[in-house]
Amino acid sequence: MGRGQQIILGVTASIAIYKACDIVRRLKEAGFLVTVVMTKEAEELIRPVVFQSLSGQKVYRGLFAEPEAWEIEHISLADKADAILVAPATANIIAKVASGICDDLLTCVISATKAPVFFAPAMNENMYQNRITQENIAKLKSLAYRFIGPKTGRLACGKEGLGCLADTETIIKAIQKNL
C-alpha cells in the first residue's frame, strides 16, 4: 500500500507543525512519495530545509517563489497528487478552502486537484468549536473533503481540550485506507 503514490503534504502555521516531520517520515516508510507545500506563515515556525531533508524532495513555498514557473507549478503539483494531506490544518486554511480563496500555493494546489484532500486540524479548542469553523468543516465534508481528527489533549495554551492534531498513526492509516 502506498508504493509510489504521491502525497502532497500541506503544512500550515500551527504549533503542531513539528508533528508534520514525523508524518513525512511515516508516509515515506509506508512507501509514499512525499512533496511538501508550506505556507509562508509555516516558515515562521520551521525552516523548509527540514522538510526537504526528511522528504528527499524539493519543498514548495510561495506562490511567486519562482516567478517563471508559478503558473504551471500549482497545476503540475495538483495533477501529480494521488492525495493531498494538510497537516496540521489551521482554521485559516480550512476557511480559505471552504470560501474558494486561492491566494497562496497550497490553496491553489487544493483548488486545482482532482485527488482526495484530507485535513488534519490542529488549533485551540475555542477556534475549533467556533461556529464558523464548524460550518466551514461541514461545508467541506459535504463537498467530499475528508477530516482526520482532531483529538482531545494538551493544547498549546496549556489547557486540555479538543483541537490536538490526530496521532501520526491515525493519520497514516486514514491515508492508506482511502487510497
N, C-alpha and C. Protein backbone atom coordinates (compact mmCIF):
# COMPACT_ATOMS: atom_id res chain seq x y z
N MET A 1 0.84 -1.19 0.00
CA MET A 1 0.00 0.00 0.00
C MET A 1 0.87 1.24 0.00
N GLY A 2 0.58 2.20 -0.86
CA GLY A 2 1.33 3.44 -0.88
C GLY A 2 2.52 3.42 -1.80
N ARG A 3 2.91 2.25 -2.30
CA ARG A 3 4.12 2.16 -3.11
C ARG A 3 4.07 3.09 -4.31
N GLY A 4 4.87 4.14 -4.23
CA GLY A 4 5.00 5.07 -5.34
C GLY A 4 3.89 6.10 -5.47
N GLN A 5 2.87 6.01 -4.62
CA GLN A 5 1.80 7.01 -4.71
C GLN A 5 2.31 8.34 -4.15
N GLN A 6 1.89 9.42 -4.78
CA GLN A 6 2.36 10.76 -4.45
C GLN A 6 1.42 11.45 -3.49
N ILE A 7 1.95 11.84 -2.33
CA ILE A 7 1.19 12.61 -1.35
C ILE A 7 1.76 14.02 -1.34
N ILE A 8 0.90 15.00 -1.50
CA ILE A 8 1.28 16.39 -1.28
C ILE A 8 0.93 16.69 0.17
N LEU A 9 1.92 17.04 0.98
CA LEU A 9 1.68 17.38 2.37
C LEU A 9 1.68 18.89 2.50
N GLY A 10 0.51 19.45 2.77
CA GLY A 10 0.39 20.89 3.01
C GLY A 10 0.65 21.16 4.48
N VAL A 11 1.59 22.04 4.76
CA VAL A 11 1.98 22.35 6.13
C VAL A 11 1.64 23.81 6.43
N THR A 12 0.83 24.02 7.46
CA THR A 12 0.41 25.37 7.82
C THR A 12 0.96 25.74 9.20
N ALA A 13 0.74 26.97 9.60
CA ALA A 13 1.36 27.54 10.80
C ALA A 13 0.60 27.23 12.08
N SER A 14 0.67 25.99 12.49
CA SER A 14 0.15 25.57 13.79
C SER A 14 1.34 25.17 14.64
N ILE A 15 1.22 25.30 15.93
CA ILE A 15 2.31 24.87 16.81
C ILE A 15 2.56 23.37 16.66
N ALA A 16 1.59 22.64 16.14
CA ALA A 16 1.74 21.20 15.91
C ALA A 16 2.58 20.89 14.68
N ILE A 17 3.18 21.90 14.08
CA ILE A 17 3.97 21.71 12.86
C ILE A 17 5.09 20.70 13.04
N TYR A 18 5.64 20.62 14.25
CA TYR A 18 6.74 19.68 14.47
C TYR A 18 6.29 18.24 14.20
N LYS A 19 5.00 17.95 14.38
CA LYS A 19 4.49 16.60 14.13
C LYS A 19 4.45 16.29 12.63
N ALA A 20 4.45 17.31 11.80
CA ALA A 20 4.47 17.10 10.35
C ALA A 20 5.76 16.41 9.93
N CYS A 21 6.83 16.63 10.68
CA CYS A 21 8.10 15.95 10.39
C CYS A 21 7.94 14.45 10.52
N ASP A 22 7.28 14.00 11.57
CA ASP A 22 7.03 12.58 11.77
C ASP A 22 6.08 12.04 10.71
N ILE A 23 5.11 12.85 10.31
CA ILE A 23 4.18 12.42 9.26
C ILE A 23 4.93 12.16 7.96
N VAL A 24 5.87 13.04 7.60
CA VAL A 24 6.68 12.83 6.40
C VAL A 24 7.43 11.51 6.51
N ARG A 25 8.10 11.31 7.64
CA ARG A 25 8.89 10.10 7.86
C ARG A 25 8.03 8.84 7.74
N ARG A 26 6.87 8.87 8.38
CA ARG A 26 5.99 7.69 8.38
C ARG A 26 5.37 7.43 7.01
N LEU A 27 5.01 8.49 6.29
CA LEU A 27 4.49 8.30 4.93
C LEU A 27 5.55 7.66 4.04
N LYS A 28 6.77 8.12 4.17
CA LYS A 28 7.86 7.53 3.37
C LYS A 28 8.08 6.07 3.74
N GLU A 29 8.04 5.76 5.03
CA GLU A 29 8.19 4.36 5.46
C GLU A 29 7.09 3.49 4.88
N ALA A 30 5.90 4.06 4.68
CA ALA A 30 4.77 3.32 4.11
C ALA A 30 4.86 3.23 2.58
N GLY A 31 5.90 3.82 2.00
CA GLY A 31 6.11 3.70 0.56
C GLY A 31 5.59 4.85 -0.28
N PHE A 32 5.09 5.89 0.36
CA PHE A 32 4.59 7.04 -0.39
C PHE A 32 5.73 7.97 -0.78
N LEU A 33 5.59 8.64 -1.89
CA LEU A 33 6.46 9.75 -2.26
C LEU A 33 5.80 10.99 -1.65
N VAL A 34 6.58 11.82 -0.97
CA VAL A 34 6.02 12.96 -0.25
C VAL A 34 6.64 14.25 -0.76
N THR A 35 5.78 15.17 -1.19
CA THR A 35 6.20 16.51 -1.57
C THR A 35 5.52 17.48 -0.62
N VAL A 36 6.29 18.35 -0.01
CA VAL A 36 5.76 19.29 0.97
C VAL A 36 5.52 20.65 0.32
N VAL A 37 4.34 21.20 0.62
CA VAL A 37 4.00 22.58 0.24
C VAL A 37 3.75 23.32 1.54
N MET A 38 4.55 24.33 1.81
CA MET A 38 4.43 25.10 3.05
C MET A 38 3.79 26.46 2.79
N THR A 39 2.99 26.91 3.74
CA THR A 39 2.51 28.28 3.67
C THR A 39 3.62 29.20 4.17
N LYS A 40 3.54 30.46 3.78
CA LYS A 40 4.52 31.45 4.22
C LYS A 40 4.58 31.53 5.74
N GLU A 41 3.43 31.45 6.37
CA GLU A 41 3.35 31.53 7.82
C GLU A 41 4.01 30.31 8.49
N ALA A 42 3.92 29.16 7.86
CA ALA A 42 4.54 27.95 8.42
C ALA A 42 6.06 28.11 8.48
N GLU A 43 6.61 28.84 7.53
CA GLU A 43 8.06 29.06 7.50
C GLU A 43 8.55 29.87 8.70
N GLU A 44 7.62 30.54 9.39
CA GLU A 44 8.00 31.27 10.60
C GLU A 44 8.24 30.31 11.76
N LEU A 45 7.75 29.09 11.65
CA LEU A 45 7.86 28.12 12.73
C LEU A 45 8.93 27.04 12.48
N ILE A 46 9.15 26.70 11.23
CA ILE A 46 10.13 25.67 10.89
C ILE A 46 10.68 25.96 9.49
N ARG A 47 11.95 25.70 9.32
CA ARG A 47 12.57 26.01 8.02
C ARG A 47 12.29 24.92 7.00
N PRO A 48 12.11 25.31 5.75
CA PRO A 48 11.82 24.34 4.69
C PRO A 48 12.88 23.26 4.53
N VAL A 49 14.13 23.57 4.84
CA VAL A 49 15.21 22.60 4.69
C VAL A 49 14.97 21.34 5.53
N VAL A 50 14.25 21.48 6.64
CA VAL A 50 13.93 20.31 7.47
C VAL A 50 13.06 19.35 6.67
N PHE A 51 12.03 19.86 6.03
CA PHE A 51 11.14 19.00 5.24
C PHE A 51 11.84 18.48 3.99
N GLN A 52 12.71 19.28 3.42
CA GLN A 52 13.46 18.82 2.25
C GLN A 52 14.35 17.63 2.63
N SER A 53 15.00 17.72 3.77
CA SER A 53 15.86 16.63 4.24
C SER A 53 15.05 15.37 4.53
N LEU A 54 13.90 15.53 5.16
CA LEU A 54 13.07 14.38 5.51
C LEU A 54 12.41 13.73 4.30
N SER A 55 11.95 14.56 3.37
CA SER A 55 11.21 14.03 2.21
C SER A 55 12.12 13.62 1.06
N GLY A 56 13.31 14.22 1.01
CA GLY A 56 14.20 13.98 -0.13
C GLY A 56 13.72 14.66 -1.39
N GLN A 57 12.78 15.59 -1.24
CA GLN A 57 12.18 16.31 -2.37
C GLN A 57 12.27 17.81 -2.15
N LYS A 58 12.16 18.54 -3.24
CA LYS A 58 12.07 19.99 -3.16
C LYS A 58 10.84 20.36 -2.33
N VAL A 59 10.98 21.38 -1.51
CA VAL A 59 9.84 21.91 -0.76
C VAL A 59 9.31 23.12 -1.52
N TYR A 60 8.02 23.12 -1.76
CA TYR A 60 7.38 24.22 -2.48
C TYR A 60 6.82 25.20 -1.47
N ARG A 61 6.95 26.49 -1.79
CA ARG A 61 6.58 27.51 -0.82
C ARG A 61 5.68 28.55 -1.45
N GLY A 62 6.15 29.76 -1.57
CA GLY A 62 5.32 30.86 -2.03
C GLY A 62 4.82 30.72 -3.44
N LEU A 63 3.68 31.32 -3.67
CA LEU A 63 3.06 31.30 -4.99
C LEU A 63 3.97 31.91 -6.04
N PHE A 64 4.75 32.90 -5.64
CA PHE A 64 5.63 33.58 -6.57
C PHE A 64 7.09 33.32 -6.26
N ALA A 65 7.40 32.21 -5.59
CA ALA A 65 8.78 31.89 -5.23
C ALA A 65 9.65 31.74 -6.47
N GLU A 66 9.09 31.18 -7.53
CA GLU A 66 9.79 31.05 -8.80
C GLU A 66 8.88 31.66 -9.86
N PRO A 67 8.98 32.98 -10.05
CA PRO A 67 8.02 33.67 -10.91
C PRO A 67 7.86 33.07 -12.31
N GLU A 68 8.92 32.51 -12.86
CA GLU A 68 8.81 31.97 -14.20
C GLU A 68 8.04 30.65 -14.24
N ALA A 69 7.85 30.02 -13.08
CA ALA A 69 7.22 28.71 -13.06
C ALA A 69 5.91 28.65 -12.29
N TRP A 70 5.54 29.72 -11.61
CA TRP A 70 4.40 29.63 -10.69
C TRP A 70 3.10 29.24 -11.37
N GLU A 71 2.89 29.72 -12.57
CA GLU A 71 1.61 29.49 -13.22
C GLU A 71 1.34 28.01 -13.48
N ILE A 72 2.40 27.29 -13.81
CA ILE A 72 2.20 25.87 -14.06
C ILE A 72 2.52 25.02 -12.83
N GLU A 73 3.26 25.56 -11.89
CA GLU A 73 3.69 24.79 -10.72
C GLU A 73 2.51 24.26 -9.93
N HIS A 74 1.53 25.11 -9.64
CA HIS A 74 0.41 24.63 -8.84
C HIS A 74 -0.42 23.60 -9.59
N ILE A 75 -0.49 23.72 -10.90
CA ILE A 75 -1.24 22.74 -11.69
C ILE A 75 -0.48 21.42 -11.75
N SER A 76 0.83 21.47 -11.95
CA SER A 76 1.60 20.22 -12.01
C SER A 76 1.59 19.51 -10.67
N LEU A 77 1.67 20.23 -9.57
CA LEU A 77 1.58 19.61 -8.25
C LEU A 77 0.20 18.99 -8.05
N ALA A 78 -0.83 19.71 -8.43
CA ALA A 78 -2.20 19.20 -8.29
C ALA A 78 -2.41 17.94 -9.13
N ASP A 79 -1.86 17.93 -10.33
CA ASP A 79 -2.03 16.80 -11.24
C ASP A 79 -1.29 15.55 -10.77
N LYS A 80 -0.12 15.72 -10.16
CA LYS A 80 0.66 14.54 -9.78
C LYS A 80 0.23 13.95 -8.45
N ALA A 81 -0.64 14.63 -7.72
CA ALA A 81 -1.05 14.16 -6.40
C ALA A 81 -2.02 12.99 -6.49
N ASP A 82 -1.72 11.93 -5.74
CA ASP A 82 -2.69 10.86 -5.52
C ASP A 82 -3.58 11.24 -4.35
N ALA A 83 -3.07 12.11 -3.48
CA ALA A 83 -3.84 12.66 -2.36
C ALA A 83 -3.12 13.90 -1.86
N ILE A 84 -3.89 14.78 -1.26
CA ILE A 84 -3.33 15.95 -0.57
C ILE A 84 -3.73 15.82 0.89
N LEU A 85 -2.75 15.97 1.76
CA LEU A 85 -2.96 15.92 3.19
C LEU A 85 -2.49 17.25 3.77
N VAL A 86 -3.38 17.97 4.43
CA VAL A 86 -3.00 19.21 5.10
C VAL A 86 -2.90 18.90 6.58
N ALA A 87 -1.65 18.89 7.09
CA ALA A 87 -1.42 18.52 8.48
C ALA A 87 -0.17 19.24 8.99
N PRO A 88 -0.31 20.11 9.92
CA PRO A 88 -1.53 20.50 10.61
C PRO A 88 -2.37 21.46 9.75
N ALA A 89 -3.67 21.38 9.92
CA ALA A 89 -4.60 22.27 9.21
C ALA A 89 -5.15 23.29 10.21
N THR A 90 -4.88 24.54 9.95
CA THR A 90 -5.36 25.62 10.81
C THR A 90 -6.79 26.01 10.43
N ALA A 91 -7.43 26.76 11.31
CA ALA A 91 -8.75 27.31 10.99
C ALA A 91 -8.66 28.18 9.74
N ASN A 92 -7.54 28.85 9.57
CA ASN A 92 -7.34 29.74 8.42
C ASN A 92 -7.38 28.97 7.10
N ILE A 93 -6.64 27.87 7.00
CA ILE A 93 -6.60 27.13 5.73
C ILE A 93 -7.97 26.50 5.46
N ILE A 94 -8.61 26.01 6.50
CA ILE A 94 -9.95 25.42 6.33
C ILE A 94 -10.92 26.48 5.81
N ALA A 95 -10.88 27.67 6.39
CA ALA A 95 -11.78 28.76 5.97
C ALA A 95 -11.48 29.20 4.53
N LYS A 96 -10.20 29.29 4.20
CA LYS A 96 -9.85 29.72 2.84
C LYS A 96 -10.34 28.72 1.80
N VAL A 97 -10.12 27.44 2.05
CA VAL A 97 -10.56 26.43 1.08
C VAL A 97 -12.09 26.40 1.01
N ALA A 98 -12.76 26.49 2.15
CA ALA A 98 -14.23 26.49 2.16
C ALA A 98 -14.80 27.69 1.41
N SER A 99 -14.06 28.78 1.38
CA SER A 99 -14.52 30.00 0.69
C SER A 99 -14.02 30.09 -0.74
N GLY A 100 -13.22 29.13 -1.17
CA GLY A 100 -12.69 29.15 -2.53
C GLY A 100 -11.57 30.16 -2.73
N ILE A 101 -10.93 30.57 -1.66
CA ILE A 101 -9.83 31.55 -1.75
C ILE A 101 -8.56 30.83 -2.18
N CYS A 102 -7.92 31.35 -3.20
CA CYS A 102 -6.67 30.78 -3.73
C CYS A 102 -5.61 31.87 -3.75
N ASP A 103 -5.08 32.19 -2.59
CA ASP A 103 -4.12 33.30 -2.51
C ASP A 103 -2.72 32.86 -2.12
N ASP A 104 -2.47 31.56 -2.11
CA ASP A 104 -1.12 31.05 -1.89
C ASP A 104 -1.00 29.74 -2.65
N LEU A 105 0.20 29.18 -2.66
CA LEU A 105 0.43 27.98 -3.45
C LEU A 105 -0.42 26.81 -2.96
N LEU A 106 -0.51 26.63 -1.65
CA LEU A 106 -1.26 25.49 -1.13
C LEU A 106 -2.74 25.57 -1.50
N THR A 107 -3.37 26.71 -1.34
CA THR A 107 -4.79 26.82 -1.70
C THR A 107 -5.01 26.65 -3.20
N CYS A 108 -4.06 27.10 -3.99
CA CYS A 108 -4.17 26.90 -5.45
C CYS A 108 -4.05 25.43 -5.81
N VAL A 109 -3.13 24.71 -5.18
CA VAL A 109 -2.97 23.28 -5.44
C VAL A 109 -4.24 22.54 -5.05
N ILE A 110 -4.78 22.85 -3.87
CA ILE A 110 -6.00 22.19 -3.42
C ILE A 110 -7.15 22.48 -4.39
N SER A 111 -7.27 23.71 -4.83
CA SER A 111 -8.34 24.08 -5.75
C SER A 111 -8.22 23.39 -7.10
N ALA A 112 -6.99 23.12 -7.52
CA ALA A 112 -6.76 22.58 -8.86
C ALA A 112 -6.75 21.05 -8.91
N THR A 113 -6.72 20.38 -7.77
CA THR A 113 -6.58 18.93 -7.80
C THR A 113 -7.91 18.20 -7.96
N LYS A 114 -7.81 17.01 -8.51
CA LYS A 114 -8.95 16.09 -8.56
C LYS A 114 -8.73 14.95 -7.56
N ALA A 115 -7.59 14.99 -6.87
CA ALA A 115 -7.26 13.96 -5.89
C ALA A 115 -8.03 14.21 -4.59
N PRO A 116 -8.19 13.18 -3.78
CA PRO A 116 -8.83 13.39 -2.47
C PRO A 116 -7.98 14.32 -1.60
N VAL A 117 -8.67 15.16 -0.83
CA VAL A 117 -7.99 16.10 0.07
C VAL A 117 -8.40 15.77 1.50
N PHE A 118 -7.39 15.62 2.35
CA PHE A 118 -7.58 15.32 3.76
C PHE A 118 -7.08 16.49 4.60
N PHE A 119 -7.83 16.85 5.62
CA PHE A 119 -7.41 17.87 6.57
C PHE A 119 -7.26 17.21 7.94
N ALA A 120 -6.14 17.48 8.60
CA ALA A 120 -5.93 17.04 9.98
C ALA A 120 -5.84 18.32 10.82
N PRO A 121 -6.97 18.78 11.37
CA PRO A 121 -6.99 20.05 12.10
C PRO A 121 -6.14 20.02 13.37
N ALA A 122 -5.58 21.19 13.68
CA ALA A 122 -4.84 21.40 14.92
C ALA A 122 -4.98 22.87 15.28
N MET A 123 -5.68 23.12 16.38
CA MET A 123 -5.92 24.50 16.80
C MET A 123 -6.47 24.50 18.22
N ASN A 124 -6.59 25.67 18.77
CA ASN A 124 -7.19 25.85 20.08
C ASN A 124 -8.63 25.34 20.05
N GLU A 125 -9.10 24.79 21.16
CA GLU A 125 -10.45 24.24 21.23
C GLU A 125 -11.52 25.28 20.87
N ASN A 126 -11.36 26.50 21.37
CA ASN A 126 -12.34 27.54 21.06
C ASN A 126 -12.38 27.84 19.56
N MET A 127 -11.21 27.83 18.93
CA MET A 127 -11.17 28.06 17.49
C MET A 127 -11.82 26.90 16.75
N TYR A 128 -11.53 25.67 17.19
CA TYR A 128 -12.10 24.50 16.53
C TYR A 128 -13.62 24.46 16.68
N GLN A 129 -14.11 24.80 17.86
CA GLN A 129 -15.55 24.74 18.10
C GLN A 129 -16.30 25.99 17.67
N ASN A 130 -15.59 27.00 17.20
CA ASN A 130 -16.23 28.21 16.71
C ASN A 130 -17.25 27.84 15.63
N ARG A 131 -18.41 28.46 15.68
CA ARG A 131 -19.48 28.11 14.74
C ARG A 131 -19.06 28.28 13.28
N ILE A 132 -18.27 29.29 13.00
CA ILE A 132 -17.83 29.50 11.62
C ILE A 132 -16.90 28.37 11.18
N THR A 133 -15.96 28.00 12.05
CA THR A 133 -15.06 26.89 11.72
C THR A 133 -15.86 25.62 11.51
N GLN A 134 -16.83 25.35 12.38
CA GLN A 134 -17.64 24.14 12.24
C GLN A 134 -18.48 24.17 10.96
N GLU A 135 -18.98 25.35 10.59
CA GLU A 135 -19.72 25.47 9.31
C GLU A 135 -18.79 25.23 8.13
N ASN A 136 -17.56 25.74 8.22
CA ASN A 136 -16.60 25.52 7.14
C ASN A 136 -16.27 24.03 7.00
N ILE A 137 -16.08 23.35 8.13
CA ILE A 137 -15.80 21.92 8.11
C ILE A 137 -16.98 21.15 7.52
N ALA A 138 -18.19 21.48 7.96
CA ALA A 138 -19.39 20.82 7.44
C ALA A 138 -19.51 21.04 5.93
N LYS A 139 -19.24 22.25 5.49
CA LYS A 139 -19.32 22.55 4.05
C LYS A 139 -18.31 21.71 3.28
N LEU A 140 -17.08 21.66 3.77
CA LEU A 140 -16.05 20.89 3.07
C LEU A 140 -16.37 19.40 3.08
N LYS A 141 -16.88 18.89 4.19
CA LYS A 141 -17.28 17.48 4.24
C LYS A 141 -18.37 17.19 3.22
N SER A 142 -19.32 18.12 3.06
CA SER A 142 -20.40 17.93 2.09
C SER A 142 -19.89 17.93 0.66
N LEU A 143 -18.68 18.47 0.47
CA LEU A 143 -18.05 18.51 -0.86
C LEU A 143 -17.00 17.40 -1.02
N ALA A 144 -17.03 16.42 -0.13
CA ALA A 144 -16.17 15.22 -0.17
C ALA A 144 -14.74 15.44 0.30
N TYR A 145 -14.47 16.55 0.97
CA TYR A 145 -13.18 16.70 1.63
C TYR A 145 -13.24 15.86 2.89
N ARG A 146 -12.10 15.33 3.29
CA ARG A 146 -12.07 14.40 4.42
C ARG A 146 -11.31 15.01 5.60
N PHE A 147 -11.74 14.64 6.80
CA PHE A 147 -11.12 15.17 8.01
C PHE A 147 -10.64 14.03 8.89
N ILE A 148 -9.47 14.22 9.46
CA ILE A 148 -8.86 13.25 10.37
C ILE A 148 -8.63 13.98 11.70
N GLY A 149 -9.45 13.64 12.69
CA GLY A 149 -9.32 14.30 13.99
C GLY A 149 -10.02 15.64 14.00
N PRO A 150 -9.72 16.45 14.98
CA PRO A 150 -8.64 16.41 15.96
C PRO A 150 -9.01 15.53 17.15
N LYS A 151 -8.06 15.44 18.10
CA LYS A 151 -8.29 14.68 19.31
C LYS A 151 -8.22 15.61 20.52
N THR A 152 -8.62 15.10 21.66
CA THR A 152 -8.54 15.85 22.91
C THR A 152 -7.16 15.63 23.52
N GLY A 153 -6.56 16.69 24.03
CA GLY A 153 -5.25 16.60 24.66
C GLY A 153 -4.81 17.97 25.15
N ARG A 154 -3.52 18.07 25.50
CA ARG A 154 -2.98 19.34 25.98
C ARG A 154 -2.74 20.25 24.78
N LEU A 155 -3.36 21.42 24.83
CA LEU A 155 -3.26 22.40 23.76
C LEU A 155 -2.08 23.33 24.01
N ALA A 156 -1.68 24.08 23.00
CA ALA A 156 -0.55 25.00 23.12
C ALA A 156 -0.76 26.03 24.23
N CYS A 157 -2.01 26.37 24.50
CA CYS A 157 -2.31 27.35 25.54
C CYS A 157 -2.16 26.76 26.94
N GLY A 158 -1.90 25.45 27.03
CA GLY A 158 -1.71 24.80 28.32
C GLY A 158 -2.95 24.11 28.86
N LYS A 159 -4.09 24.35 28.27
CA LYS A 159 -5.34 23.72 28.71
C LYS A 159 -5.53 22.38 28.02
N GLU A 160 -6.37 21.55 28.61
CA GLU A 160 -6.80 20.31 27.97
C GLU A 160 -8.03 20.63 27.14
N GLY A 161 -8.09 20.09 25.93
CA GLY A 161 -9.27 20.34 25.13
C GLY A 161 -9.19 19.67 23.77
N LEU A 162 -10.25 19.79 23.02
CA LEU A 162 -10.35 19.24 21.67
C LEU A 162 -9.66 20.20 20.70
N GLY A 163 -8.72 19.70 19.95
CA GLY A 163 -8.03 20.54 18.98
C GLY A 163 -6.63 20.06 18.66
N CYS A 164 -6.19 19.00 19.34
CA CYS A 164 -4.85 18.47 19.09
C CYS A 164 -4.81 17.70 17.77
N LEU A 165 -3.72 17.82 17.06
CA LEU A 165 -3.54 17.06 15.84
C LEU A 165 -3.69 15.57 16.14
N ALA A 166 -4.39 14.86 15.28
CA ALA A 166 -4.55 13.42 15.45
C ALA A 166 -3.18 12.75 15.51
N ASP A 167 -3.12 11.58 16.14
CA ASP A 167 -1.86 10.85 16.20
C ASP A 167 -1.38 10.53 14.79
N THR A 168 -0.06 10.52 14.63
CA THR A 168 0.53 10.22 13.32
C THR A 168 0.01 8.90 12.78
N GLU A 169 -0.07 7.88 13.63
CA GLU A 169 -0.55 6.56 13.21
C GLU A 169 -1.97 6.65 12.65
N THR A 170 -2.82 7.42 13.31
CA THR A 170 -4.21 7.59 12.85
C THR A 170 -4.23 8.25 11.48
N ILE A 171 -3.40 9.26 11.29
CA ILE A 171 -3.33 9.99 10.02
C ILE A 171 -2.85 9.06 8.90
N ILE A 172 -1.78 8.33 9.15
CA ILE A 172 -1.23 7.43 8.12
C ILE A 172 -2.26 6.35 7.76
N LYS A 173 -2.91 5.76 8.76
CA LYS A 173 -3.92 4.72 8.48
C LYS A 173 -5.08 5.27 7.67
N ALA A 174 -5.50 6.50 7.94
CA ALA A 174 -6.60 7.11 7.18
C ALA A 174 -6.20 7.30 5.71
N ILE A 175 -4.96 7.72 5.48
CA ILE A 175 -4.50 7.88 4.10
C ILE A 175 -4.45 6.53 3.41
N GLN A 176 -3.84 5.53 4.07
CA GLN A 176 -3.73 4.20 3.47
C GLN A 176 -5.10 3.59 3.18
N LYS A 177 -6.03 3.75 4.09
CA LYS A 177 -7.36 3.18 3.93
C LYS A 177 -8.11 3.78 2.75
N ASN A 178 -7.88 5.05 2.50
CA ASN A 178 -8.65 5.77 1.48
C ASN A 178 -7.97 5.85 0.12
N LEU A 179 -6.79 5.28 0.00
CA LEU A 179 -6.11 5.29 -1.31
C LEU A 179 -6.04 3.90 -1.89
